[in-house]
Amino acid sequence: MSYVFTPPAPVAVPVAGRPEKFPVHRIYCVGRNYEDHAKEMGFTGREPPFFFLKPADAVLVVAEGETGTLPYPSLTKNFHHEIELVVAIGKGGRNIAAADAFAHVFGYAVGLDMTRRDLQNEMKKQGRPWSIGKGFDHSAPIGPIVPREQAGDVEKAEIWLQVNGADRQRSTVAKLIWSIAETIEHLSAAWELQPGDLIYSGTPEGVGAVVPGDLLEGGVAGIGTLRLKVA
């Protein structure tokens, strides 16, 4: 088959302890999925889950033990961190019941949903899509994917983020409003999930701005850590 230009290489994330890489299909993100984060953003209660997407090539892969470089994006003066547990889908499906959800999970990773908060807030005021605030280049940093059978009790794992060595975010995955299984159930009712999909499951309270020179280090217990320097 011939193309009018050379297609880009597939976006792929390393798999911990294995030579194969995980090819990325789509990136789904869950909004306001920790109660205290919902409150700090001006919302309360267990609202129905909602989702937004990032392009697959928004992924910024950081190898375990390395410090990645996160470019400060254009157009913003309020660049926010959001630490998240990422769920990697290995088996697709539609209308997946929560009771069956984990059979579709390949593994887990530590990720950041980086946000141009000022642009996102302006879009909210105007009732317009958030894409410019959420789906920009390098907005989805991620560490290696740990296969599910090696990840331990992810549903109760501690999740945390420090900036320049000081705590910003610290919680547990158990505080998700919509659990991993419930999220997969809701998401697969709206889209047919495919192998290669990544689900950024939501961020706990404590989101805030970073500037060039800041060092971000975050992690999920049993999954690993993610280190980035803002350039």
C-alpha atoms as a PDB file:
ATOM      1  CA  MET A   1       0.000   0.000   0.000  1.00  0.00           C
ATOM      2  CA  SER A   2       1.259   3.462  -0.860  1.00  0.00           C
ATOM      3  CA  TYR A   3       0.596   6.695   1.058  1.00  0.00           C
ATOM      4  CA  VAL A   4       0.813  10.349   0.092  1.00  0.00           C
ATOM      5  CA  PHE A   5       3.387  10.738   2.891  1.00  0.00           C
ATOM      6  CA  THR A   6       5.179   8.351   5.256  1.00  0.00           C
ATOM      7  CA  PRO A   7       2.870   7.465   8.169  1.00  0.00           C
ATOM      8  CA  PRO A   8       4.219   8.308  11.626  1.00  0.00           C
ATOM      9  CA  ALA A   9       5.531   5.490  13.778  1.00  0.00           C
ATOM     10  CA  PRO A  10       2.933   4.009  16.154  1.00  0.00           C
ATOM     11  CA  VAL A  11       2.761   5.580  19.601  1.00  0.00           C
ATOM     12  CA  ALA A  12       3.820   2.936  22.128  1.00  0.00           C
ATOM     13  CA  VAL A  13       4.545   2.683  25.850  1.00  0.00           C
ATOM     14  CA  PRO A  14       7.144   0.310  27.372  1.00  0.00           C
ATOM     15  CA  VAL A  15       5.914  -2.676  29.381  1.00  0.00           C
ATOM     16  CA  ALA A  16       7.783  -3.263  32.631  1.00  0.00           C
ATOM     17  CA  GLY A  17       9.963  -6.374  32.471  1.00  0.00           C
ATOM     18  CA  ARG A  18       9.077  -7.240  28.873  1.00  0.00           C
ATOM     19  CA  PRO A  19      10.626  -6.447  25.478  1.00  0.00           C
ATOM     20  CA  GLU A  20       7.260  -5.744  23.825  1.00  0.00           C
ATOM     21  CA  LYS A  21       5.696  -2.291  23.842  1.00  0.00           C
ATOM     22  CA  PHE A  22       2.035  -1.374  24.307  1.00  0.00           C
ATOM     23  CA  PRO A  23       0.666   0.382  21.175  1.00  0.00           C
ATOM     24  CA  VAL A  24      -1.667   3.247  22.044  1.00  0.00           C
ATOM     25  CA  HIS A  25      -5.058   3.440  20.359  1.00  0.00           C
ATOM     26  CA  ARG A  26      -6.970   6.185  22.208  1.00  0.00           C
ATOM     27  CA  ILE A  27      -6.588   8.135  25.446  1.00  0.00           C
ATOM     28  CA  TYR A  28      -9.747   8.525  27.536  1.00  0.00           C
ATOM     29  CA  CYS A  29      -9.725  10.731  30.637  1.00  0.00           C
ATOM     30  CA  VAL A  30     -12.247  10.741  33.484  1.00  0.00           C
ATOM     31  CA  GLY A  31     -13.168  14.185  34.795  1.00  0.00           C
ATOM     32  CA  ARG A  32     -13.524  15.025  38.497  1.00  0.00           C
ATOM     33  CA  ASN A  33     -13.329  11.437  39.756  1.00  0.00           C
ATOM     34  CA  TYR A  34     -12.098  12.126  43.321  1.00  0.00           C
ATOM     35  CA  GLU A  35     -14.567  13.847  45.655  1.00  0.00           C
ATOM     36  CA  ASP A  36     -12.105  16.306  47.197  1.00  0.00           C
ATOM     37  CA  HIS A  37     -10.792  17.287  43.754  1.00  0.00           C
ATOM     38  CA  ALA A  38     -14.371  17.822  42.555  1.00  0.00           C
ATOM     39  CA  LYS A  39     -14.898  20.115  45.553  1.00  0.00           C
ATOM     40  CA  GLU A  40     -11.736  22.127  44.880  1.00  0.00           C
ATOM     41  CA  MET A  41     -12.993  22.617  41.313  1.00  0.00           C
ATOM     42  CA  GLY A  42     -16.349  23.880  42.611  1.00  0.00           C
ATOM     43  CA  PHE A  43     -18.468  20.728  42.405  1.00  0.00           C
ATOM     44  CA  THR A  44     -19.862  18.281  44.961  1.00  0.00           C
ATOM     45  CA  GLY A  45     -21.519  14.902  45.062  1.00  0.00           C
ATOM     46  CA  ARG A  46     -21.291  11.773  42.951  1.00  0.00           C
ATOM     47  CA  GLU A  47     -22.224  13.208  39.575  1.00  0.00           C
ATOM     48  CA  PRO A  48     -22.491  10.836  36.607  1.00  0.00           C
ATOM     49  CA  PRO A  49     -19.035  10.127  35.145  1.00  0.00           C
ATOM     50  CA  PHE A  50     -17.938  12.168  32.151  1.00  0.00           C
ATOM     51  CA  PHE A  51     -15.034  11.783  29.782  1.00  0.00           C
ATOM     52  CA  PHE A  52     -12.768  13.723  27.464  1.00  0.00           C
ATOM     53  CA  LEU A  53     -10.090  12.523  25.064  1.00  0.00           C
ATOM     54  CA  LYS A  54      -6.492  13.333  24.286  1.00  0.00           C
ATOM     55  CA  PRO A  55      -4.813  12.410  20.998  1.00  0.00           C
ATOM     56  CA  ALA A  56      -2.646   9.289  21.162  1.00  0.00           C
ATOM     57  CA  ASP A  57       0.448  11.288  20.258  1.00  0.00           C
ATOM     58  CA  ALA A  58      -0.029  13.497  23.341  1.00  0.00           C
ATOM     59  CA  VAL A  59       1.780  10.661  25.158  1.00  0.00           C
ATOM     60  CA  LEU A  60       5.167  11.573  26.603  1.00  0.00           C
ATOM     61  CA  VAL A  61       6.922   8.352  27.619  1.00  0.00           C
ATOM     62  CA  VAL A  62       9.321   8.437  30.570  1.00  0.00           C
ATOM     63  CA  ALA A  63      11.366   5.307  31.258  1.00  0.00           C
ATOM     64  CA  GLU A  64      11.512   3.949  34.803  1.00  0.00           C
ATOM     65  CA  GLY A  65      14.358   5.571  36.717  1.00  0.00           C
ATOM     66  CA  GLU A  66      14.787   8.404  34.220  1.00  0.00           C
ATOM     67  CA  THR A  67      13.778  12.059  34.416  1.00  0.00           C
ATOM     68  CA  GLY A  68      11.762  13.145  31.415  1.00  0.00           C
ATOM     69  CA  THR A  69      11.649  16.620  29.930  1.00  0.00           C
ATOM     70  CA  LEU A  70       8.214  18.260  29.877  1.00  0.00           C
ATOM     71  CA  PRO A  71       8.082  21.301  27.590  1.00  0.00           C
ATOM     72  CA  TYR A  72       6.119  24.242  28.981  1.00  0.00           C
ATOM     73  CA  PRO A  73       3.294  24.659  26.430  1.00  0.00           C
ATOM     74  CA  SER A  74       2.408  27.741  24.443  1.00  0.00           C
ATOM     75  CA  LEU A  75      -0.559  30.069  25.105  1.00  0.00           C
ATOM     76  CA  THR A  76      -0.828  29.389  28.853  1.00  0.00           C
ATOM     77  CA  LYS A  77       0.256  31.106  32.058  1.00  0.00           C
ATOM     78  CA  ASN A  78      -1.344  28.496  34.346  1.00  0.00           C
ATOM     79  CA  PHE A  79       0.064  25.024  33.605  1.00  0.00           C
ATOM     80  CA  HIS A  80      -1.351  22.440  36.057  1.00  0.00           C
ATOM     81  CA  HIS A  81      -0.322  18.941  37.120  1.00  0.00           C
ATOM     82  CA  GLU A  82      -2.848  16.139  37.714  1.00  0.00           C
ATOM     83  CA  ILE A  83      -1.370  12.800  38.870  1.00  0.00           C
ATOM     84  CA  GLU A  84      -3.395   9.770  37.765  1.00  0.00           C
ATOM     85  CA  LEU A  85      -3.525   5.980  37.731  1.00  0.00           C
ATOM     86  CA  VAL A  86      -3.654   4.934  34.083  1.00  0.00           C
ATOM     87  CA  VAL A  87      -5.531   1.771  33.087  1.00  0.00           C
ATOM     88  CA  ALA A  88      -4.285   0.032  29.931  1.00  0.00           C
ATOM     89  CA  ILE A  89      -6.913  -1.975  28.046  1.00  0.00           C
ATOM     90  CA  GLY A  90      -5.741  -5.266  26.550  1.00  0.00           C
ATOM     91  CA  LYS A  91      -9.072  -6.752  25.468  1.00  0.00           C
ATOM     92  CA  GLY A  92     -11.707  -4.636  23.772  1.00  0.00           C
ATOM     93  CA  GLY A  93     -15.451  -4.710  24.114  1.00  0.00           C
ATOM     94  CA  ARG A  94     -18.716  -2.825  24.289  1.00  0.00           C
ATOM     95  CA  ASN A  95     -21.172  -2.687  27.223  1.00  0.00           C
ATOM     96  CA  ILE A  96     -18.700  -4.375  29.559  1.00  0.00           C
ATOM     97  CA  ALA A  97     -20.238  -5.151  32.953  1.00  0.00           C
ATOM     98  CA  ALA A  98     -18.296  -3.909  35.968  1.00  0.00           C
ATOM     99  CA  ALA A  99     -18.065  -7.497  37.209  1.00  0.00           C
ATOM    100  CA  ASP A 100     -16.184  -8.433  34.025  1.00  0.00           C
ATOM    101  CA  ALA A 101     -14.102  -5.285  33.673  1.00  0.00           C
ATOM    102  CA  PHE A 102     -10.760  -6.534  34.998  1.00  0.00           C
ATOM    103  CA  ALA A 103     -10.641  -9.292  32.372  1.00  0.00           C
ATOM    104  CA  HIS A 104     -10.199  -6.438  29.862  1.00  0.00           C
ATOM    105  CA  VAL A 105      -7.313  -4.760  31.714  1.00  0.00           C
ATOM    106  CA  PHE A 106      -3.780  -5.443  30.487  1.00  0.00           C
ATOM    107  CA  GLY A 107      -2.037  -3.384  33.141  1.00  0.00           C
ATOM    108  CA  TYR A 108      -1.500  -0.055  34.879  1.00  0.00           C
ATOM    109  CA  ALA A 109       0.836   2.921  34.711  1.00  0.00           C
ATOM    110  CA  VAL A 110       1.519   6.231  36.429  1.00  0.00           C
ATOM    111  CA  GLY A 111       0.427   9.195  34.338  1.00  0.00           C
ATOM    112  CA  LEU A 112      -0.068  12.952  34.397  1.00  0.00           C
ATOM    113  CA  ASP A 113      -3.008  14.770  32.836  1.00  0.00           C
ATOM    114  CA  MET A 114      -1.264  18.095  32.219  1.00  0.00           C
ATOM    115  CA  THR A 115      -3.685  20.969  31.777  1.00  0.00           C
ATOM    116  CA  ARG A 116      -3.568  24.522  30.438  1.00  0.00           C
ATOM    117  CA  ARG A 117      -5.956  25.572  33.207  1.00  0.00           C
ATOM    118  CA  ASP A 118      -6.488  29.148  32.120  1.00  0.00           C
ATOM    119  CA  LEU A 119      -7.488  28.016  28.628  1.00  0.00           C
ATOM    120  CA  GLN A 120      -9.708  25.259  30.008  1.00  0.00           C
ATOM    121  CA  ASN A 121     -11.481  27.718  32.319  1.00  0.00           C
ATOM    122  CA  GLU A 122     -12.051  30.174  29.490  1.00  0.00           C
ATOM    123  CA  MET A 123     -13.615  27.420  27.375  1.00  0.00           C
ATOM    124  CA  LYS A 124     -15.853  26.453  30.307  1.00  0.00           C
ATOM    125  CA  LYS A 125     -17.099  30.037  30.605  1.00  0.00           C
ATOM    126  CA  GLN A 126     -17.966  30.078  26.923  1.00  0.00           C
ATOM    127  CA  GLY A 127     -19.549  26.617  26.936  1.00  0.00           C
ATOM    128  CA  ARG A 128     -16.994  25.379  24.414  1.00  0.00           C
ATOM    129  CA  PRO A 129     -14.942  22.142  24.250  1.00  0.00           C
ATOM    130  CA  TRP A 130     -11.861  21.798  26.460  1.00  0.00           C
ATOM    131  CA  SER A 131      -9.524  20.432  23.772  1.00  0.00           C
ATOM    132  CA  ILE A 132      -7.158  23.413  23.801  1.00  0.00           C
ATOM    133  CA  GLY A 133      -6.799  23.043  27.575  1.00  0.00           C
ATOM    134  CA  LYS A 134      -6.390  19.267  27.686  1.00  0.00           C
ATOM    135  CA  GLY A 135      -5.358  17.756  24.351  1.00  0.00           C
ATOM    136  CA  PHE A 136      -2.139  19.581  23.471  1.00  0.00           C
ATOM    137  CA  ASP A 137       1.306  18.158  22.664  1.00  0.00           C
ATOM    138  CA  HIS A 138       3.027  16.272  25.528  1.00  0.00           C
ATOM    139  CA  SER A 139      -0.076  16.611  27.747  1.00  0.00           C
ATOM    140  CA  ALA A 140      -0.133  12.905  28.710  1.00  0.00           C
ATOM    141  CA  PRO A 141       3.175  11.920  30.347  1.00  0.00           C
ATOM    142  CA  ILE A 142       3.271   8.241  31.296  1.00  0.00           C
ATOM    143  CA  GLY A 143       5.650   5.698  32.799  1.00  0.00           C
ATOM    144  CA  PRO A 144       6.006   2.006  31.890  1.00  0.00           C
ATOM    145  CA  ILE A 145       2.923  -0.191  32.032  1.00  0.00           C
ATOM    146  CA  VAL A 146       2.967  -2.857  34.745  1.00  0.00           C
ATOM    147  CA  PRO A 147       0.992  -5.989  33.750  1.00  0.00           C
ATOM    148  CA  ARG A 148      -2.123  -6.480  35.883  1.00  0.00           C
ATOM    149  CA  GLU A 149      -0.954  -9.709  37.500  1.00  0.00           C
ATOM    150  CA  GLN A 150       2.178  -7.921  38.824  1.00  0.00           C
ATOM    151  CA  ALA A 151       0.473  -4.758  40.057  1.00  0.00           C
ATOM    152  CA  GLY A 152      -0.836  -5.855  43.453  1.00  0.00           C
ATOM    153  CA  ASP A 153      -3.926  -4.297  45.025  1.00  0.00           C
ATOM    154  CA  VAL A 154      -4.205  -1.282  42.756  1.00  0.00           C
ATOM    155  CA  GLU A 155      -7.703  -0.382  43.951  1.00  0.00           C
ATOM    156  CA  LYS A 156      -6.331   0.564  47.379  1.00  0.00           C
ATOM    157  CA  ALA A 157      -2.944   1.917  46.304  1.00  0.00           C
ATOM    158  CA  GLU A 158      -1.524   5.222  47.483  1.00  0.00           C
ATOM    159  CA  ILE A 159      -1.229   7.900  44.759  1.00  0.00           C
ATOM    160  CA  TRP A 160       0.943  10.992  45.205  1.00  0.00           C
ATOM    161  CA  LEU A 161       2.773  13.863  43.541  1.00  0.00           C
ATOM    162  CA  GLN A 162       5.564  16.139  44.751  1.00  0.00           C
ATOM    163  CA  VAL A 163       6.869  19.315  43.143  1.00  0.00           C
ATOM    164  CA  ASN A 164      10.469  20.181  44.026  1.00  0.00           C
ATOM    165  CA  GLY A 165      10.289  17.658  46.870  1.00  0.00           C
ATOM    166  CA  ALA A 166       7.160  19.107  48.521  1.00  0.00           C
ATOM    167  CA  ASP A 167       3.821  17.272  48.620  1.00  0.00           C
ATOM    168  CA  ARG A 168       1.122  18.584  46.307  1.00  0.00           C
ATOM    169  CA  GLN A 169      -1.204  15.593  45.891  1.00  0.00           C
ATOM    170  CA  ARG A 170      -1.560  12.537  48.152  1.00  0.00           C
ATOM    171  CA  SER A 171      -4.519  10.167  48.332  1.00  0.00           C
ATOM    172  CA  THR A 172      -5.486   6.561  47.591  1.00  0.00           C
ATOM    173  CA  VAL A 173      -7.109   4.979  44.557  1.00  0.00           C
ATOM    174  CA  ALA A 174      -9.810   3.722  46.950  1.00  0.00           C
ATOM    175  CA  LYS A 175     -11.172   7.292  46.986  1.00  0.00           C
ATOM    176  CA  LEU A 176     -12.168   7.220  43.316  1.00  0.00           C
ATOM    177  CA  ILE A 177     -15.822   8.261  42.998  1.00  0.00           C
ATOM    178  CA  TRP A 178     -16.253   5.800  40.136  1.00  0.00           C
ATOM    179  CA  SER A 179     -14.037   2.742  40.581  1.00  0.00           C
ATOM    180  CA  ILE A 180     -11.886   1.292  37.825  1.00  0.00           C
ATOM    181  CA  ALA A 181     -14.507  -1.360  37.054  1.00  0.00           C
ATOM    182  CA  GLU A 182     -17.400   1.143  37.087  1.00  0.00           C
ATOM    183  CA  THR A 183     -15.446   3.500  34.834  1.00  0.00           C
ATOM    184  CA  ILE A 184     -14.875   0.738  32.286  1.00  0.00           C
ATOM    185  CA  GLU A 185     -18.580  -0.133  32.421  1.00  0.00           C
ATOM    186  CA  HIS A 186     -19.657   3.468  31.763  1.00  0.00           C
ATOM    187  CA  LEU A 187     -16.974   4.135  29.165  1.00  0.00           C
ATOM    188  CA  SER A 188     -17.705   0.981  27.165  1.00  0.00           C
ATOM    189  CA  ALA A 189     -21.377   1.941  26.973  1.00  0.00           C
ATOM    190  CA  ALA A 190     -20.390   5.077  25.040  1.00  0.00           C
ATOM    191  CA  TRP A 191     -17.462   3.750  22.981  1.00  0.00           C
ATOM    192  CA  GLU A 192     -16.358   0.290  21.945  1.00  0.00           C
ATOM    193  CA  LEU A 193     -13.105  -0.099  23.823  1.00  0.00           C
ATOM    194  CA  GLN A 194     -10.135  -1.415  21.859  1.00  0.00           C
ATOM    195  CA  PRO A 195      -6.850  -3.054  22.808  1.00  0.00           C
ATOM    196  CA  GLY A 196      -4.397  -0.210  23.205  1.00  0.00           C
ATOM    197  CA  ASP A 197      -6.805   2.217  24.869  1.00  0.00           C
ATOM    198  CA  LEU A 198      -5.493   4.120  27.891  1.00  0.00           C
ATOM    199  CA  ILE A 199      -7.848   5.385  30.608  1.00  0.00           C
ATOM    200  CA  TYR A 200      -6.572   8.218  32.800  1.00  0.00           C
ATOM    201  CA  SER A 201      -8.789   7.475  35.791  1.00  0.00           C
ATOM    202  CA  GLY A 202      -8.906  10.872  37.524  1.00  0.00           C
ATOM    203  CA  THR A 203      -6.814  12.971  39.888  1.00  0.00           C
ATOM    204  CA  PRO A 204      -7.054  13.613  43.635  1.00  0.00           C
ATOM    205  CA  GLU A 205      -7.131  17.040  45.264  1.00  0.00           C
ATOM    206  CA  GLY A 206      -4.108  19.337  45.302  1.00  0.00           C
ATOM    207  CA  VAL A 207      -3.747  20.208  41.619  1.00  0.00           C
ATOM    208  CA  GLY A 208      -1.685  23.314  41.004  1.00  0.00           C
ATOM    209  CA  ALA A 209       0.608  25.207  38.678  1.00  0.00           C
ATOM    210  CA  VAL A 210       4.177  24.422  37.673  1.00  0.00           C
ATOM    211  CA  VAL A 211       6.760  26.611  35.972  1.00  0.00           C
ATOM    212  CA  PRO A 212       9.961  25.986  34.001  1.00  0.00           C
ATOM    213  CA  GLY A 213      12.624  24.479  36.236  1.00  0.00           C
ATOM    214  CA  ASP A 214      10.181  22.618  38.487  1.00  0.00           C
ATOM    215  CA  LEU A 215      10.798  18.917  39.166  1.00  0.00           C
ATOM    216  CA  LEU A 216       7.683  16.739  39.314  1.00  0.00           C
ATOM    217  CA  GLU A 217       7.823  13.294  40.897  1.00  0.00           C
ATOM    218  CA  GLY A 218       4.734  11.185  41.408  1.00  0.00           C
ATOM    219  CA  GLY A 219       3.718   7.599  41.756  1.00  0.00           C
ATOM    220  CA  VAL A 220       1.205   4.897  42.510  1.00  0.00           C
ATOM    221  CA  ALA A 221       2.163   2.225  45.047  1.00  0.00           C
ATOM    222  CA  GLY A 222       2.995  -1.036  43.293  1.00  0.00           C
ATOM    223  CA  ILE A 223       3.186   0.632  39.872  1.00  0.00           C
ATOM    224  CA  GLY A 224       6.219   2.888  40.035  1.00  0.00           C
ATOM    225  CA  THR A 225       7.195   6.527  39.884  1.00  0.00           C
ATOM    226  CA  LEU A 226       7.240   9.193  37.190  1.00  0.00           C
ATOM    227  CA  ARG A 227       9.806  12.031  37.171  1.00  0.00           C
ATOM    228  CA  LEU A 228       9.726  15.073  34.916  1.00  0.00           C
ATOM    229  CA  LYS A 229      11.532  18.394  34.708  1.00  0.00           C
ATOM    230  CA  VAL A 230       9.556  21.295  33.258  1.00  0.00           C
ATOM    231  CA  ALA A 231      11.615  22.856  30.477  1.00  0.00           C
END
